[in-house]
Amino acid sequence: MKRATVLFAALLGTVPAQSTAQTESLLRIGMIAMPPARGNPFFTTGTTPHMFYPAIYDTLTQVNEQGAVTPQIAISWNRIDDLTWTFDIRPDTQFSNGEPVNAETVVSMVAAFERDDFIPFSLPREFDFIAGVRSLDKLTVEITTTAPHALLPRYMSFFYLVPPKYLKDNGPQGLVSGPIGSGPFVVDDWLAERILLSANTTSWRAPKISRLEVLVLPQATSRLQALSSGRIDVAINLGPDDEPRLKARGLRLVPRNPVRISVIALNTMVDDTPFQDVRVRQAMNYAVNREAIAAALLGGYVKPASQPTPENAIGFDPSLEPYPYDPDKARALLADAGMADGFDVVFEVVTGANSSTDAVMQQVAADLALVNVRVEVRPIMYNQVVSRMTKGGWAGSMFSVDFATGPTMDGLRPFRLHSCTWSAPWFCDPIAEAFYQEAKITADTEKRLDLTRQVIKRYRDEASSILLFPILGLDGLGKRVKTWAPVNDRLMLHNAQVFAE
């Protein structure tokens, strides 16, 4: 598998004739979608919005591409006992509106999570393990938990900080159109399909560019065209088949470190679905020729997933193997389940994000047709996926989702979404659920690792989903880009640089 490098230096080249004063420190990025709540980082835990939010906000910690927890606003931390942690806050740090960042900031954030106006948001639920928080001094905060949490510092990579007084005066709704953080950029204008930002000169993560323009271009073809014409400098999430066209223009395609596994969920929680039978779910996995798809459609950038967690995540089990391609075994399992003639099923999937995704899903449907599983592929929008994942309402028994560790790189984290206790569950295995619940409250890190691997193996063996591939994040870079340095699936834009003209 090709891996993302920490820093990428693009080749020197020419750019379209423009005013140097306007472009020498401007970076222009084409994204798939706008965050659904715009500047409110607490609304959802979906990956796409949180790629962008580090441009505005800081978190307490960060997890690097090797899976290690590193400082951000918290510069160090200590485990006092099974239920107590302390975090030391970076000194002389402030929000872009001048409010200080200190221990009381963390206290105020935890208090905000309990407010009625935060109840609809998904992100605060990530911290429902917090029992209490208090400041020990100006720059030291103590967090106590309801049960042991062996990996708490890792989860603080999702703990966004906003200024307490601003939040009190404006509420979370104020963040939608007027986000205020301590990150490297401030928002100058947030339009329907365009965000304009400028450097936050007070940020401890001082950016190397003075301005940032983010355009929403939902279709991969639009992002590719904008990059090729010089309208944007970076196109997020292109496909491997775009590489020849980019190379012909002297442009580059670079991979980000995968933090998600693409799967096709098999909904067992609806009436009269064949997927309540494990033999049918296993047959679906044997029927898909992942090796051929990876070679033909994904450019060799990824290999078939053996389990629902990426290789660099906590809990990855190297002993597990991907389901092999074996259509004869798939037919035998279907026959054993009384479905030798197959069945019809609706498959909902977001299309147009990039060409390779569309081609992969169509090929999966073609492979399933060879074992008499007749798939109707129905396109849906990204915001429909977000809604149905939390509220239900899927039209079919198959839908494209992922197992996402998010910035935590914790292999156990995705099972919150895929567990029996999720708000709109689609799969429930009591044995895996017991492992999951025990792992969440285990103080011993080695025991937690073992339990996580048991959960992962159970989901793999029970075939909760059709396991596909690590989600391929490929970014196209224009000639003006000197340095592009994402960390996993987060765009750490303070590291980005463009060539001076």
Protein backbone atom coordinates (compact mmCIF):
# COMPACT_ATOMS: atom_id res chain seq x y z
CA MET A 1 0.00 0.00 0.00
CA LYS A 2 1.25 3.45 -0.83
CA ARG A 3 1.45 5.61 2.28
CA ALA A 4 1.07 9.33 2.78
CA THR A 5 4.23 11.20 3.54
CA VAL A 6 4.35 13.65 6.39
CA LEU A 7 5.50 16.47 4.12
CA PHE A 8 5.17 16.73 0.36
CA ALA A 9 7.11 19.18 -1.80
CA ALA A 10 5.57 19.63 -5.24
CA LEU A 11 7.61 20.38 -8.34
CA LEU A 12 8.13 23.96 -9.41
CA GLY A 13 5.98 25.03 -12.32
CA THR A 14 4.15 27.85 -14.00
CA VAL A 15 0.77 29.23 -12.96
CA PRO A 16 -1.90 31.14 -14.83
CA ALA A 17 -1.13 34.84 -15.17
CA GLN A 18 -2.54 36.55 -12.06
CA SER A 19 -1.61 39.33 -9.69
CA THR A 20 1.26 38.13 -7.51
CA ALA A 21 0.05 40.28 -4.63
CA GLN A 22 -3.26 38.41 -4.65
CA THR A 23 -1.97 34.87 -4.96
CA GLU A 24 1.47 34.51 -3.38
CA SER A 25 0.10 33.47 0.04
CA LEU A 26 -3.36 32.27 -0.96
CA LEU A 27 -4.23 28.55 -0.92
CA ARG A 28 -7.41 27.44 -2.69
CA ILE A 29 -8.99 24.09 -1.84
CA GLY A 30 -11.86 22.18 -3.42
CA MET A 31 -13.86 20.08 -0.94
CA ILE A 32 -16.66 17.54 -1.41
CA ALA A 33 -19.16 19.11 1.00
CA MET A 34 -19.73 21.92 3.43
CA PRO A 35 -19.86 20.89 7.11
CA PRO A 36 -23.59 20.28 7.71
CA ALA A 37 -23.66 22.77 10.59
CA ARG A 38 -21.11 25.06 8.96
CA GLY A 39 -18.85 26.40 11.73
CA ASN A 40 -20.36 24.38 14.60
CA PRO A 41 -17.86 21.55 15.24
CA PHE A 42 -20.10 19.75 17.74
CA PHE A 43 -22.95 18.89 15.41
CA THR A 44 -21.60 15.67 13.92
CA THR A 45 -18.70 13.25 14.21
CA GLY A 46 -18.64 12.65 10.45
CA THR A 47 -15.19 12.56 8.89
CA THR A 48 -15.64 15.14 6.11
CA PRO A 49 -16.39 18.17 8.35
CA HIS A 50 -13.61 17.29 10.77
CA MET A 51 -11.09 17.29 7.95
CA PHE A 52 -11.57 21.06 7.81
CA TYR A 53 -12.25 22.15 11.41
CA PRO A 54 -8.56 22.15 12.52
CA ALA A 55 -8.17 25.24 10.35
CA ILE A 56 -10.30 27.12 12.91
CA TYR A 57 -10.25 25.14 16.15
CA ASP A 58 -7.74 23.49 18.44
CA THR A 59 -8.28 20.28 20.39
CA LEU A 60 -6.59 19.16 23.58
CA THR A 61 -4.48 16.47 21.87
CA GLN A 62 -3.70 15.06 18.45
CA VAL A 63 -2.90 11.55 17.21
CA ASN A 64 -0.13 11.33 14.64
CA GLU A 65 0.15 9.01 11.65
CA GLN A 66 2.00 6.41 13.70
CA GLY A 67 -0.93 6.28 16.13
CA ALA A 68 0.83 8.09 19.01
CA VAL A 69 -0.93 10.76 21.07
CA THR A 70 0.85 14.12 20.77
CA PRO A 71 0.31 17.54 22.40
CA GLN A 72 -1.88 20.28 21.05
CA ILE A 73 -3.52 22.68 23.54
CA ALA A 74 -2.67 20.14 26.25
CA ILE A 75 1.12 19.89 26.43
CA SER A 76 1.20 16.98 28.90
CA TRP A 77 -1.14 14.73 30.87
CA ASN A 78 -1.02 12.25 33.74
CA ARG A 79 -3.19 9.43 34.93
CA ILE A 80 -3.69 9.89 38.67
CA ASP A 81 -5.82 6.79 39.25
CA ASP A 82 -8.33 4.67 37.30
CA LEU A 83 -10.87 7.51 37.23
CA THR A 84 -8.73 10.65 37.29
CA TRP A 85 -6.54 12.42 34.76
CA THR A 86 -4.85 15.82 34.73
CA PHE A 87 -3.98 17.90 31.69
CA ASP A 88 -1.51 20.77 31.53
CA ILE A 89 -2.65 23.56 29.21
CA ARG A 90 -0.32 25.34 26.81
CA PRO A 91 0.58 28.75 28.30
CA ASP A 92 0.04 32.12 26.60
CA THR A 93 -2.65 30.82 24.27
CA GLN A 94 -5.73 32.75 23.24
CA PHE A 95 -8.77 32.60 20.98
CA SER A 96 -8.95 34.85 17.94
CA ASN A 97 -11.39 37.15 19.81
CA GLY A 98 -8.84 37.69 22.59
CA GLU A 99 -10.33 35.37 25.23
CA PRO A 100 -7.65 33.27 26.98
CA VAL A 101 -7.33 29.52 26.60
CA ASN A 102 -6.82 27.98 30.04
CA ALA A 103 -8.08 25.34 32.44
CA GLU A 104 -11.41 27.14 32.87
CA THR A 105 -11.94 26.84 29.12
CA VAL A 106 -12.00 23.05 29.45
CA VAL A 107 -14.33 23.28 32.45
CA SER A 108 -16.71 25.50 30.48
CA MET A 109 -16.75 23.10 27.53
CA VAL A 110 -17.78 20.13 29.66
CA ALA A 111 -20.49 22.27 31.26
CA ALA A 112 -21.70 23.31 27.81
CA PHE A 113 -22.13 19.68 26.79
CA GLU A 114 -24.86 19.41 29.45
CA ARG A 115 -26.86 22.35 28.09
CA ASP A 116 -30.19 21.77 26.38
CA ASP A 117 -28.99 23.45 23.18
CA PHE A 118 -26.21 20.85 22.87
CA ILE A 119 -28.52 17.84 23.20
CA PRO A 120 -29.10 17.41 19.42
CA PHE A 121 -25.36 17.29 18.68
CA SER A 122 -23.41 14.06 18.17
CA LEU A 123 -19.91 15.07 19.27
CA PRO A 124 -20.67 15.72 22.99
CA ARG A 125 -21.82 12.09 23.26
CA GLU A 126 -18.20 11.09 22.67
CA PHE A 127 -17.53 12.47 26.16
CA ASP A 128 -20.42 10.98 28.11
CA PHE A 129 -17.78 9.13 30.16
CA ILE A 130 -16.79 12.40 31.89
CA ALA A 131 -18.14 12.57 35.45
CA GLY A 132 -16.61 15.89 36.43
CA VAL A 133 -13.97 18.47 35.64
CA ARG A 134 -12.28 21.19 37.69
CA SER A 135 -9.35 23.54 37.35
CA LEU A 136 -6.51 22.87 39.78
CA ASP A 137 -4.81 26.10 38.76
CA LYS A 138 -4.86 28.43 35.77
CA LEU A 139 -3.21 25.91 33.45
CA THR A 140 -4.04 22.53 35.04
CA VAL A 141 -7.38 20.80 34.65
CA GLU A 142 -8.54 17.59 36.32
CA ILE A 143 -10.99 15.27 34.57
CA THR A 144 -12.76 12.44 36.36
CA THR A 145 -14.63 9.68 34.56
CA THR A 146 -17.67 7.56 35.35
CA ALA A 147 -15.62 4.41 34.73
CA PRO A 148 -12.00 3.70 33.83
CA HIS A 149 -11.05 4.98 30.39
CA ALA A 150 -7.67 3.59 29.42
CA LEU A 151 -7.30 5.75 26.30
CA LEU A 152 -8.78 9.06 27.44
CA PRO A 153 -5.98 11.33 26.10
CA ARG A 154 -6.55 9.81 22.67
CA TYR A 155 -10.21 10.91 22.79
CA MET A 156 -9.24 14.46 23.65
CA SER A 157 -8.21 14.75 19.97
CA PHE A 158 -11.96 15.29 19.41
CA PHE A 159 -12.31 17.84 22.24
CA TYR A 160 -12.71 21.16 20.42
CA LEU A 161 -12.26 24.38 22.35
CA VAL A 162 -14.32 27.54 21.85
CA PRO A 163 -14.22 30.77 23.87
CA PRO A 164 -16.49 30.48 26.94
CA LYS A 165 -17.85 34.03 26.96
CA TYR A 166 -18.54 33.98 23.23
CA LEU A 167 -20.36 30.66 23.60
CA LYS A 168 -22.38 31.97 26.55
CA ASP A 169 -23.40 35.11 24.67
CA ASN A 170 -24.09 33.51 21.27
CA GLY A 171 -24.80 29.84 21.98
CA PRO A 172 -23.74 27.09 19.60
CA GLN A 173 -25.88 28.72 16.91
CA GLY A 174 -23.40 31.60 16.92
CA LEU A 175 -20.67 29.19 15.85
CA VAL A 176 -22.64 28.23 12.73
CA SER A 177 -22.07 31.54 10.97
CA GLY A 178 -19.41 33.05 13.24
CA PRO A 179 -16.97 30.34 14.35
CA ILE A 180 -14.32 31.50 16.82
CA GLY A 181 -11.37 29.29 17.76
CA SER A 182 -7.70 29.42 18.61
CA GLY A 183 -6.62 27.69 15.40
CA PRO A 184 -4.45 29.10 12.61
CA PHE A 185 -7.22 30.79 10.59
CA VAL A 186 -10.21 33.04 11.19
CA VAL A 187 -13.32 33.03 9.03
CA ASP A 188 -13.84 36.25 7.08
CA ASP A 189 -16.88 35.13 5.12
CA TRP A 190 -18.89 31.90 5.06
CA LEU A 191 -21.11 31.61 2.01
CA ALA A 192 -23.24 28.73 0.77
CA GLU A 193 -20.48 27.15 -1.33
CA ARG A 194 -17.41 29.17 -0.38
CA ILE A 195 -15.43 29.98 2.76
CA LEU A 196 -12.85 32.74 2.95
CA LEU A 197 -10.32 32.70 5.80
CA SER A 198 -7.26 34.69 6.80
CA ALA A 199 -4.33 33.97 9.06
CA ASN A 200 -4.90 34.14 12.82
CA THR A 201 -1.79 36.05 13.83
CA THR A 202 -2.27 35.17 17.52
CA SER A 203 -2.41 31.39 16.99
CA TRP A 204 0.31 29.20 18.46
CA ARG A 205 0.00 27.23 15.19
CA ALA A 206 1.01 30.17 13.02
CA PRO A 207 0.10 29.45 9.39
CA LYS A 208 2.59 29.81 6.55
CA ILE A 209 0.00 31.27 4.19
CA SER A 210 -1.97 34.45 4.75
CA ARG A 211 -5.27 33.50 3.13
CA LEU A 212 -7.35 30.42 2.50
CA GLU A 213 -10.26 29.90 0.13
CA VAL A 214 -12.40 26.75 0.38
CA LEU A 215 -14.80 25.92 -2.43
CA VAL A 216 -17.45 23.22 -2.24
CA LEU A 217 -17.36 21.13 -5.42
CA PRO A 218 -19.40 17.96 -4.77
CA GLN A 219 -18.52 16.20 -8.02
CA ALA A 220 -15.03 14.79 -8.47
CA THR A 221 -15.06 15.88 -12.11
CA SER A 222 -15.61 19.48 -11.01
CA ARG A 223 -12.72 19.34 -8.56
CA LEU A 224 -10.45 17.76 -11.16
CA GLN A 225 -11.36 20.38 -13.75
CA ALA A 226 -10.83 23.22 -11.25
CA LEU A 227 -7.41 21.86 -10.33
CA SER A 228 -6.40 21.34 -13.96
CA SER A 229 -7.41 24.90 -14.88
CA GLY A 230 -5.64 26.46 -11.89
CA ARG A 231 -8.88 27.61 -10.21
CA ILE A 232 -7.90 25.66 -7.10
CA ASP A 233 -4.55 24.47 -5.76
CA VAL A 234 -5.73 21.34 -3.92
CA ALA A 235 -8.54 18.97 -4.89
CA ILE A 236 -9.65 16.79 -1.99
CA ASN A 237 -10.62 13.17 -2.67
CA LEU A 238 -9.88 12.43 -6.28
CA GLY A 239 -9.72 8.93 -7.72
CA PRO A 240 -6.75 6.79 -8.83
CA ASP A 241 -7.93 6.98 -12.43
CA ASP A 242 -7.36 10.74 -12.30
CA GLU A 243 -3.61 10.27 -11.90
CA PRO A 244 -2.66 10.03 -15.62
CA ARG A 245 -4.49 13.26 -16.42
CA LEU A 246 -2.81 15.04 -13.51
CA LYS A 247 0.65 13.77 -14.43
CA ALA A 248 0.16 14.93 -18.01
CA ARG A 249 -0.30 18.46 -16.66
CA GLY A 250 2.63 18.29 -14.24
CA LEU A 251 0.32 17.89 -11.24
CA ARG A 252 0.46 15.28 -8.47
CA LEU A 253 -1.83 12.90 -6.62
CA VAL A 254 -0.84 12.11 -3.01
CA PRO A 255 -2.50 9.75 -0.49
CA ARG A 256 -3.56 10.52 3.04
CA ASN A 257 -3.13 7.99 5.83
CA PRO A 258 -6.33 5.85 5.99
CA VAL A 259 -8.33 6.07 9.22
CA ARG A 260 -11.54 4.46 7.93
CA ILE A 261 -12.62 1.15 6.48
CA SER A 262 -15.24 1.28 3.75
CA VAL A 263 -17.98 -1.30 4.22
CA ILE A 264 -21.42 -2.07 2.90
CA ALA A 265 -23.66 -2.45 5.93
CA LEU A 266 -26.07 -5.37 5.87
CA ASN A 267 -29.12 -4.29 7.84
CA THR A 268 -30.25 -7.11 10.10
CA MET A 269 -32.68 -4.99 12.12
CA VAL A 270 -35.54 -4.83 9.62
CA ASP A 271 -38.24 -7.42 9.04
CA ASP A 272 -37.97 -10.07 6.31
CA THR A 273 -34.34 -9.34 5.45
CA PRO A 274 -32.15 -12.27 4.34
CA PHE A 275 -29.25 -10.67 6.24
CA GLN A 276 -30.50 -11.98 9.57
CA ASP A 277 -28.83 -15.25 8.53
CA VAL A 278 -25.05 -15.21 9.08
CA ARG A 279 -24.58 -17.61 6.15
CA VAL A 280 -26.08 -15.04 3.80
CA ARG A 281 -23.87 -12.28 5.19
CA GLN A 282 -20.77 -14.45 4.80
CA ALA A 283 -21.84 -15.36 1.27
CA MET A 284 -21.95 -11.66 0.40
CA ASN A 285 -18.32 -11.33 1.48
CA TYR A 286 -17.12 -14.38 -0.46
CA ALA A 287 -18.90 -13.13 -3.58
CA VAL A 288 -16.92 -9.88 -3.95
CA ASN A 289 -13.60 -9.99 -5.81
CA ARG A 290 -11.71 -7.40 -3.76
CA GLU A 291 -8.28 -8.18 -5.18
CA ALA A 292 -9.46 -7.54 -8.73
CA ILE A 293 -11.26 -4.35 -7.68
CA ALA A 294 -8.16 -3.02 -5.88
CA ALA A 295 -5.96 -3.69 -8.88
CA ALA A 296 -8.31 -2.48 -11.60
CA LEU A 297 -10.15 0.40 -9.92
CA LEU A 298 -8.06 1.60 -6.99
CA GLY A 299 -4.65 1.81 -8.60
CA GLY A 300 -2.99 -0.50 -6.09
CA TYR A 301 -3.14 2.19 -3.41
CA VAL A 302 -5.04 -0.08 -1.00
CA LYS A 303 -5.47 -3.76 -0.32
CA PRO A 304 -8.63 -5.63 0.77
CA ALA A 305 -9.66 -5.07 4.38
CA SER A 306 -9.31 -8.04 6.68
CA GLN A 307 -11.29 -6.39 9.50
CA PRO A 308 -13.22 -3.23 10.30
CA THR A 309 -10.24 -1.18 11.47
CA PRO A 310 -7.21 0.32 9.67
CA GLU A 311 -3.71 -1.08 10.14
CA ASN A 312 -2.31 1.76 12.24
CA ALA A 313 -5.23 1.82 14.70
CA ILE A 314 -5.19 0.51 18.26
CA GLY A 315 -6.67 -2.99 18.14
CA PHE A 316 -5.77 -3.98 14.59
CA ASP A 317 -5.27 -7.76 14.49
CA PRO A 318 -2.57 -8.78 11.97
CA SER A 319 -3.61 -12.44 12.24
CA LEU A 320 -6.94 -11.86 10.49
CA GLU A 321 -7.18 -12.42 6.74
CA PRO A 322 -9.57 -10.86 4.21
CA TYR A 323 -12.43 -12.98 2.95
CA PRO A 324 -11.12 -14.68 -0.21
CA TYR A 325 -12.98 -14.45 -3.48
CA ASP A 326 -14.93 -17.70 -3.70
CA PRO A 327 -18.23 -17.43 -5.59
CA ASP A 328 -18.79 -21.19 -5.39
CA LYS A 329 -18.65 -21.02 -1.60
CA ALA A 330 -20.99 -18.02 -1.68
CA ARG A 331 -23.53 -20.00 -3.74
CA ALA A 332 -23.20 -22.97 -1.38
CA LEU A 333 -23.84 -20.79 1.68
CA LEU A 334 -26.87 -19.21 0.02
CA ALA A 335 -28.22 -22.63 -0.88
CA ASP A 336 -27.64 -23.85 2.68
CA ALA A 337 -29.65 -20.84 3.89
CA GLY A 338 -32.50 -21.78 1.55
CA MET A 339 -31.74 -19.03 -0.97
CA ALA A 340 -30.25 -20.90 -3.90
CA ASP A 341 -32.22 -18.66 -6.26
CA GLY A 342 -30.82 -15.55 -4.61
CA PHE A 343 -32.84 -12.44 -3.78
CA ASP A 344 -33.38 -8.79 -4.66
CA VAL A 345 -31.99 -5.99 -2.50
CA VAL A 346 -31.76 -2.20 -2.58
CA PHE A 347 -28.31 -0.69 -2.04
CA GLU A 348 -28.09 3.01 -1.10
CA VAL A 349 -24.81 4.79 -1.80
CA VAL A 350 -23.48 8.31 -2.21
CA THR A 351 -22.35 8.71 -5.82
CA GLY A 352 -20.21 11.32 -7.52
CA ALA A 353 -17.78 11.84 -4.62
CA ASN A 354 -15.08 10.36 -6.85
CA SER A 355 -15.08 8.17 -9.90
CA SER A 356 -13.39 5.21 -8.24
CA THR A 357 -16.07 4.97 -5.53
CA ASP A 358 -18.84 4.82 -8.09
CA ALA A 359 -16.99 2.18 -10.11
CA VAL A 360 -16.24 0.08 -7.02
CA MET A 361 -19.87 0.00 -5.93
CA GLN A 362 -21.05 -0.91 -9.42
CA GLN A 363 -18.49 -3.72 -9.57
CA VAL A 364 -19.62 -5.02 -6.17
CA ALA A 365 -23.16 -5.16 -7.52
CA ALA A 366 -21.91 -7.01 -10.62
CA ASP A 367 -20.02 -9.56 -8.49
CA LEU A 368 -23.11 -10.17 -6.36
CA ALA A 369 -25.22 -10.69 -9.47
CA LEU A 370 -23.00 -13.69 -10.34
CA VAL A 371 -24.31 -15.46 -7.21
CA ASN A 372 -27.94 -14.41 -7.92
CA VAL A 373 -28.03 -11.47 -5.52
CA ARG A 374 -29.75 -8.83 -7.63
CA VAL A 375 -28.77 -5.37 -6.43
CA GLU A 376 -30.56 -2.13 -7.22
CA VAL A 377 -28.10 0.71 -6.64
CA ARG A 378 -29.87 3.88 -5.46
CA PRO A 379 -27.88 7.12 -5.29
CA ILE A 380 -28.37 9.27 -2.18
CA MET A 381 -26.84 12.53 -0.96
CA TYR A 382 -24.21 12.84 1.77
CA ASN A 383 -26.59 14.69 4.11
CA GLN A 384 -29.11 11.84 3.74
CA VAL A 385 -26.47 9.40 4.96
CA VAL A 386 -25.77 11.57 8.02
CA SER A 387 -29.49 11.72 8.83
CA ARG A 388 -30.22 8.03 8.30
CA MET A 389 -27.22 6.89 10.28
CA THR A 390 -28.55 8.67 13.37
CA LYS A 391 -32.30 8.49 12.80
CA GLY A 392 -32.79 5.44 10.57
CA GLY A 393 -35.05 5.44 7.54
CA TRP A 394 -32.90 3.49 5.08
CA ALA A 395 -34.86 2.48 2.00
CA GLY A 396 -32.95 -0.78 1.53
CA SER A 397 -31.08 -3.45 3.45
CA MET A 398 -27.66 -2.44 2.12
CA PHE A 399 -25.95 0.93 2.44
CA SER A 400 -22.44 2.25 2.16
CA VAL A 401 -20.89 3.45 5.44
CA ASP A 402 -17.56 3.10 7.18
CA PHE A 403 -15.85 2.07 10.38
CA ALA A 404 -14.13 5.34 11.29
CA THR A 405 -11.66 5.68 14.11
CA GLY A 406 -11.71 9.43 13.57
CA PRO A 407 -8.75 11.33 14.99
CA THR A 408 -8.56 8.92 17.96
CA MET A 409 -7.12 6.04 15.91
CA ASP A 410 -8.87 3.74 18.39
CA GLY A 411 -10.16 0.57 16.76
CA LEU A 412 -12.93 0.30 19.37
CA ARG A 413 -14.45 3.72 18.67
CA PRO A 414 -16.39 2.83 15.47
CA PHE A 415 -18.40 0.22 17.33
CA ARG A 416 -20.32 2.94 19.14
CA LEU A 417 -21.98 3.62 15.80
CA HIS A 418 -22.25 -0.04 14.82
CA SER A 419 -23.38 -1.38 18.20
CA CYS A 420 -26.69 -2.59 19.59
CA THR A 421 -27.10 0.60 21.61
CA TRP A 422 -26.75 3.07 18.72
CA SER A 423 -29.68 5.44 18.16
CA ALA A 424 -30.63 3.69 14.91
CA PRO A 425 -28.87 0.29 14.98
CA TRP A 426 -28.57 -1.93 11.91
CA PHE A 427 -26.62 -4.83 13.45
CA CYS A 428 -26.62 -6.29 16.94
CA ASP A 429 -24.53 -9.21 18.13
CA PRO A 430 -24.86 -9.80 21.91
CA ILE A 431 -21.45 -11.49 22.18
CA ALA A 432 -19.62 -8.65 20.44
CA GLU A 433 -21.67 -6.14 22.43
CA ALA A 434 -20.52 -7.70 25.71
CA PHE A 435 -16.86 -7.47 24.64
CA TYR A 436 -17.42 -3.87 23.53
CA GLN A 437 -19.06 -2.74 26.75
CA GLU A 438 -16.36 -4.40 28.88
CA ALA A 439 -13.56 -2.88 26.80
CA LYS A 440 -14.97 0.63 27.25
CA ILE A 441 -14.59 0.48 31.04
CA THR A 442 -11.38 -1.54 31.34
CA ALA A 443 -8.54 0.29 33.10
CA ASP A 444 -5.78 -2.06 31.92
CA THR A 445 -4.58 -1.07 28.44
CA GLU A 446 -3.44 -4.59 27.48
CA LYS A 447 -6.79 -6.08 28.49
CA ARG A 448 -8.58 -3.35 26.56
CA LEU A 449 -6.49 -4.17 23.50
CA ASP A 450 -7.39 -7.85 23.78
CA LEU A 451 -11.09 -7.09 24.16
CA THR A 452 -10.99 -4.71 21.21
CA ARG A 453 -9.50 -7.43 19.05
CA GLN A 454 -12.23 -9.82 20.15
CA VAL A 455 -14.87 -7.30 19.09
CA ILE A 456 -13.15 -6.80 15.75
CA LYS A 457 -12.82 -10.53 15.11
CA ARG A 458 -16.45 -11.14 16.01
CA TYR A 459 -17.66 -8.49 13.57
CA ARG A 460 -15.40 -9.94 10.90
CA ASP A 461 -16.51 -13.54 11.47
CA GLU A 462 -20.19 -12.66 11.81
CA ALA A 463 -19.92 -10.62 8.60
CA SER A 464 -21.84 -7.63 9.89
CA SER A 465 -20.91 -5.87 6.64
CA ILE A 466 -19.26 -6.51 3.32
CA LEU A 467 -15.70 -5.53 4.16
CA LEU A 468 -14.13 -3.55 1.34
CA PHE A 469 -11.01 -1.40 1.67
CA PRO A 470 -9.37 1.34 3.70
CA ILE A 471 -10.99 4.52 2.45
CA LEU A 472 -8.63 6.05 -0.02
CA GLY A 473 -8.00 9.76 0.51
CA LEU A 474 -6.21 11.07 -2.58
CA ASP A 475 -5.54 14.76 -2.90
CA GLY A 476 -4.59 16.42 -6.16
CA LEU A 477 -1.93 19.13 -5.83
CA GLY A 478 -1.40 22.03 -8.18
CA LYS A 479 1.94 23.50 -9.17
CA ARG A 480 1.73 26.33 -6.64
CA VAL A 481 1.71 23.89 -3.69
CA LYS A 482 5.06 23.65 -1.96
CA THR A 483 4.04 21.76 1.20
CA TRP A 484 0.92 19.71 1.89
CA ALA A 485 0.96 17.93 5.25
CA PRO A 486 -2.31 16.39 6.44
CA VAL A 487 -2.27 14.27 9.58
CA ASN A 488 -4.33 11.17 8.91
CA ASP A 489 -7.67 12.51 7.64
CA ARG A 490 -7.24 16.02 9.08
CA LEU A 491 -6.07 18.90 6.93
CA MET A 492 -3.50 20.61 9.13
CA LEU A 493 -3.52 23.72 7.02
CA HIS A 494 -1.08 25.69 9.17
CA ASN A 495 1.62 23.47 7.63
CA ALA A 496 0.59 24.20 4.03
CA GLN A 497 2.84 26.37 1.87
CA VAL A 498 2.74 27.75 -1.65
CA PHE A 499 5.62 28.88 -3.80
CA ALA A 500 6.23 32.63 -3.86
CA GLU A 501 5.81 34.24 -7.25
